Amino acid sequence: MRLLKRLSRDRVGIKASGGIRTREQALELIDAGATRLGTSRSLDLMQV
């Protein structure tokens, strides 16, 4: 994710998808540069 972010130079958004099962994973991907998440567990990820 960090490599994609650096290579894109903020010209495009980056979608992370596949295997995102926990809120912690989602937050790590966002911190690493993901601008969108593709997951079938969105309701689970939003639980506090």
PDB file of N, CA and C in Angstrom:
ATOM      1  N   MET A   1       0.817  -1.173   0.000  1.00  0.00           N
ATOM      2  CA  MET A   1       0.000   0.000   0.000  1.00  0.00           C
ATOM      3  C   MET A   1       0.869   1.248   0.000  1.00  0.00           C
ATOM      4  N   ARG A   2       1.892   1.243   0.822  1.00  0.00           N
ATOM      5  CA  ARG A   2       2.763   2.428   0.885  1.00  0.00           C
ATOM      6  C   ARG A   2       3.486   2.655  -0.449  1.00  0.00           C
ATOM      7  N   LEU A   3       3.897   1.573  -1.097  1.00  0.00           N
ATOM      8  CA  LEU A   3       4.559   1.681  -2.391  1.00  0.00           C
ATOM      9  C   LEU A   3       3.604   2.254  -3.435  1.00  0.00           C
ATOM     10  N   LEU A   4       2.380   1.751  -3.476  1.00  0.00           N
ATOM     11  CA  LEU A   4       1.388   2.278  -4.417  1.00  0.00           C
ATOM     12  C   LEU A   4       1.127   3.757  -4.159  1.00  0.00           C
ATOM     13  N   LYS A   5       1.031   4.118  -2.907  1.00  0.00           N
ATOM     14  CA  LYS A   5       0.787   5.521  -2.542  1.00  0.00           C
ATOM     15  C   LYS A   5       1.933   6.402  -3.055  1.00  0.00           C
ATOM     16  N   ARG A   6       3.168   5.933  -2.841  1.00  0.00           N
ATOM     17  CA  ARG A   6       4.332   6.711  -3.270  1.00  0.00           C
ATOM     18  C   ARG A   6       4.395   6.809  -4.791  1.00  0.00           C
ATOM     19  N   LEU A   7       4.151   5.705  -5.479  1.00  0.00           N
ATOM     20  CA  LEU A   7       4.226   5.705  -6.935  1.00  0.00           C
ATOM     21  C   LEU A   7       3.125   6.537  -7.587  1.00  0.00           C
ATOM     22  N   SER A   8       1.959   6.580  -6.974  1.00  0.00           N
ATOM     23  CA  SER A   8       0.841   7.320  -7.567  1.00  0.00           C
ATOM     24  C   SER A   8       0.946   8.823  -7.345  1.00  0.00           C
ATOM     25  N   ARG A   9       1.773   9.217  -6.384  1.00  0.00           N
ATOM     26  CA  ARG A   9       1.956  10.645  -6.074  1.00  0.00           C
ATOM     27  C   ARG A   9       0.629  11.358  -5.850  1.00  0.00           C
ATOM     28  N   ASP A  10      -0.298  10.677  -5.227  1.00  0.00           N
ATOM     29  CA  ASP A  10      -1.618  11.237  -4.898  1.00  0.00           C
ATOM     30  C   ASP A  10      -2.434  11.634  -6.128  1.00  0.00           C
ATOM     31  N   ARG A  11      -2.110  11.081  -7.291  1.00  0.00           N
ATOM     32  CA  ARG A  11      -2.883  11.385  -8.501  1.00  0.00           C
ATOM     33  C   ARG A  11      -4.120  10.518  -8.617  1.00  0.00           C
ATOM     34  N   VAL A  12      -4.117   9.375  -7.937  1.00  0.00           N
ATOM     35  CA  VAL A  12      -5.265   8.461  -7.978  1.00  0.00           C
ATOM     36  C   VAL A  12      -5.548   7.954  -6.576  1.00  0.00           C
ATOM     37  N   GLY A  13      -6.779   7.508  -6.361  1.00  0.00           N
ATOM     38  CA  GLY A  13      -7.124   6.871  -5.104  1.00  0.00           C
ATOM     39  C   GLY A  13      -6.692   5.410  -5.144  1.00  0.00           C
ATOM     40  N   ILE A  14      -6.496   4.833  -3.975  1.00  0.00           N
ATOM     41  CA  ILE A  14      -6.065   3.440  -3.897  1.00  0.00           C
ATOM     42  C   ILE A  14      -7.107   2.650  -3.110  1.00  0.00           C
ATOM     43  N   LYS A  15      -7.594   1.581  -3.731  1.00  0.00           N
ATOM     44  CA  LYS A  15      -8.596   0.730  -3.085  1.00  0.00           C
ATOM     45  C   LYS A  15      -7.915  -0.528  -2.558  1.00  0.00           C
ATOM     46  N   ALA A  16      -8.074  -0.773  -1.275  1.00  0.00           N
ATOM     47  CA  ALA A  16      -7.586  -2.008  -0.665  1.00  0.00           C
ATOM     48  C   ALA A  16      -8.765  -2.968  -0.577  1.00  0.00           C
ATOM     49  N   SER A  17      -8.554  -4.207  -0.977  1.00  0.00           N
ATOM     50  CA  SER A  17      -9.650  -5.178  -0.905  1.00  0.00           C
ATOM     51  C   SER A  17      -9.084  -6.585  -0.755  1.00  0.00           C
ATOM     52  N   GLY A  18      -9.928  -7.462  -0.293  1.00  0.00           N
ATOM     53  CA  GLY A  18      -9.553  -8.864  -0.159  1.00  0.00           C
ATOM     54  C   GLY A  18      -8.921  -9.179   1.176  1.00  0.00           C
ATOM     55  N   GLY A  19      -9.621  -9.941   1.992  1.00  0.00           N
ATOM     56  CA  GLY A  19      -9.061 -10.410   3.251  1.00  0.00           C
ATOM     57  C   GLY A  19      -9.091  -9.414   4.386  1.00  0.00           C
ATOM     58  N   ILE A  20      -9.811  -8.322   4.232  1.00  0.00           N
ATOM     59  CA  ILE A  20      -9.901  -7.345   5.317  1.00  0.00           C
ATOM     60  C   ILE A  20     -10.987  -7.842   6.273  1.00  0.00           C
ATOM     61  N   ARG A  21     -10.558  -8.382   7.405  1.00  0.00           N
ATOM     62  CA  ARG A  21     -11.501  -9.026   8.319  1.00  0.00           C
ATOM     63  C   ARG A  21     -11.685  -8.295   9.644  1.00  0.00           C
ATOM     64  N   THR A  22     -10.732  -7.438   9.996  1.00  0.00           N
ATOM     65  CA  THR A  22     -10.836  -6.768  11.294  1.00  0.00           C
ATOM     66  C   THR A  22     -10.738  -5.260  11.132  1.00  0.00           C
ATOM     67  N   ARG A  23     -11.246  -4.580  12.132  1.00  0.00           N
ATOM     68  CA  ARG A  23     -11.174  -3.119  12.162  1.00  0.00           C
ATOM     69  C   ARG A  23      -9.707  -2.671  12.156  1.00  0.00           C
ATOM     70  N   GLU A  24      -8.870  -3.401  12.882  1.00  0.00           N
ATOM     71  CA  GLU A  24      -7.454  -3.057  12.962  1.00  0.00           C
ATOM     72  C   GLU A  24      -6.787  -3.137  11.587  1.00  0.00           C
ATOM     73  N   GLN A  25      -7.103  -4.188  10.829  1.00  0.00           N
ATOM     74  CA  GLN A  25      -6.554  -4.311   9.470  1.00  0.00           C
ATOM     75  C   GLN A  25      -7.004  -3.136   8.613  1.00  0.00           C
ATOM     76  N   ALA A  26      -8.277  -2.789   8.708  1.00  0.00           N
ATOM     77  CA  ALA A  26      -8.814  -1.683   7.914  1.00  0.00           C
ATOM     78  C   ALA A  26      -8.105  -0.377   8.259  1.00  0.00           C
ATOM     79  N   LEU A  27      -7.917  -0.115   9.531  1.00  0.00           N
ATOM     80  CA  LEU A  27      -7.254   1.124   9.951  1.00  0.00           C
ATOM     81  C   LEU A  27      -5.789   1.153   9.512  1.00  0.00           C
ATOM     82  N   GLU A  28      -5.117   0.011   9.554  1.00  0.00           N
ATOM     83  CA  GLU A  28      -3.734  -0.055   9.085  1.00  0.00           C
ATOM     84  C   GLU A  28      -3.639   0.256   7.598  1.00  0.00           C
ATOM     85  N   LEU A  29      -4.576  -0.256   6.822  1.00  0.00           N
ATOM     86  CA  LEU A  29      -4.578   0.003   5.384  1.00  0.00           C
ATOM     87  C   LEU A  29      -4.849   1.479   5.087  1.00  0.00           C
ATOM     88  N   ILE A  30      -5.754   2.067   5.836  1.00  0.00           N
ATOM     89  CA  ILE A  30      -6.039   3.495   5.661  1.00  0.00           C
ATOM     90  C   ILE A  30      -4.809   4.317   6.035  1.00  0.00           C
ATOM     91  N   ASP A  31      -4.173   3.963   7.145  1.00  0.00           N
ATOM     92  CA  ASP A  31      -2.950   4.660   7.559  1.00  0.00           C
ATOM     93  C   ASP A  31      -1.842   4.525   6.521  1.00  0.00           C
ATOM     94  N   ALA A  32      -1.814   3.394   5.825  1.00  0.00           N
ATOM     95  CA  ALA A  32      -0.782   3.138   4.818  1.00  0.00           C
ATOM     96  C   ALA A  32      -1.072   3.839   3.495  1.00  0.00           C
ATOM     97  N   GLY A  33      -2.297   4.390   3.337  1.00  0.00           N
ATOM     98  CA  GLY A  33      -2.579   5.142   2.117  1.00  0.00           C
ATOM     99  C   GLY A  33      -3.832   4.764   1.358  1.00  0.00           C
ATOM    100  N   ALA A  34      -4.560   3.762   1.803  1.00  0.00           N
ATOM    101  CA  ALA A  34      -5.795   3.397   1.099  1.00  0.00           C
ATOM    102  C   ALA A  34      -6.822   4.516   1.224  1.00  0.00           C
ATOM    103  N   THR A  35      -7.482   4.821   0.115  1.00  0.00           N
ATOM    104  CA  THR A  35      -8.540   5.829   0.143  1.00  0.00           C
ATOM    105  C   THR A  35      -9.922   5.193   0.123  1.00  0.00           C
ATOM    106  N   ARG A  36      -9.963   3.892  -0.222  1.00  0.00           N
ATOM    107  CA  ARG A  36     -11.221   3.140  -0.236  1.00  0.00           C
ATOM    108  C   ARG A  36     -10.929   1.728   0.231  1.00  0.00           C
ATOM    109  N   LEU A  37     -11.951   1.085   0.798  1.00  0.00           N
ATOM    110  CA  LEU A  37     -11.831  -0.310   1.200  1.00  0.00           C
ATOM    111  C   LEU A  37     -12.917  -1.112   0.508  1.00  0.00           C
ATOM    112  N   GLY A  38     -12.563  -2.282   0.026  1.00  0.00           N
ATOM    113  CA  GLY A  38     -13.527  -3.189  -0.567  1.00  0.00           C
ATOM    114  C   GLY A  38     -13.638  -4.407   0.335  1.00  0.00           C
ATOM    115  N   THR A  39     -14.768  -4.532   0.997  1.00  0.00           N
ATOM    116  CA  THR A  39     -14.945  -5.641   1.926  1.00  0.00           C
ATOM    117  C   THR A  39     -16.417  -6.013   2.033  1.00  0.00           C
ATOM    118  N   SER A  40     -16.661  -7.271   2.297  1.00  0.00           N
ATOM    119  CA  SER A  40     -18.042  -7.706   2.512  1.00  0.00           C
ATOM    120  C   SER A  40     -18.394  -7.651   3.995  1.00  0.00           C
ATOM    121  N   ARG A  41     -17.466  -7.182   4.810  1.00  0.00           N
ATOM    122  CA  ARG A  41     -17.661  -7.124   6.259  1.00  0.00           C
ATOM    123  C   ARG A  41     -17.756  -5.689   6.777  1.00  0.00           C
ATOM    124  N   SER A  42     -18.254  -4.785   5.986  1.00  0.00           N
ATOM    125  CA  SER A  42     -18.263  -3.376   6.383  1.00  0.00           C
ATOM    126  C   SER A  42     -19.004  -3.139   7.696  1.00  0.00           C
ATOM    127  N   LEU A  43     -20.117  -3.807   7.915  1.00  0.00           N
ATOM    128  CA  LEU A  43     -20.848  -3.624   9.172  1.00  0.00           C
ATOM    129  C   LEU A  43     -20.036  -4.119  10.365  1.00  0.00           C
ATOM    130  N   ASP A  44     -19.349  -5.238  10.203  1.00  0.00           N
ATOM    131  CA  ASP A  44     -18.504  -5.766  11.269  1.00  0.00           C
ATOM    132  C   ASP A  44     -17.355  -4.811  11.576  1.00  0.00           C
ATOM    133  N   LEU A  45     -16.786  -4.208  10.552  1.00  0.00           N
ATOM    134  CA  LEU A  45     -15.638  -3.316  10.730  1.00  0.00           C
ATOM    135  C   LEU A  45     -16.036  -2.015  11.426  1.00  0.00           C
ATOM    136  N   MET A  46     -17.284  -1.635  11.310  1.00  0.00           N
ATOM    137  CA  MET A  46     -17.734  -0.383  11.903  1.00  0.00           C
ATOM    138  C   MET A  46     -18.099  -0.526  13.375  1.00  0.00           C
ATOM    139  N   GLN A  47     -18.203  -1.739  13.870  1.00  0.00           N
ATOM    140  CA  GLN A  47     -18.519  -1.971  15.279  1.00  0.00           C
ATOM    141  C   GLN A  47     -17.345  -1.529  16.151  1.00  0.00           C
ATOM    142  N   VAL A  48     -17.640  -0.870  17.247  1.00  0.00           N
ATOM    143  CA  VAL A  48     -16.576  -0.405  18.158  1.00  0.00           C
ATOM    144  C   VAL A  48     -16.303  -1.427  19.215  1.00  0.00           C
TER     145      VAL A  48
END
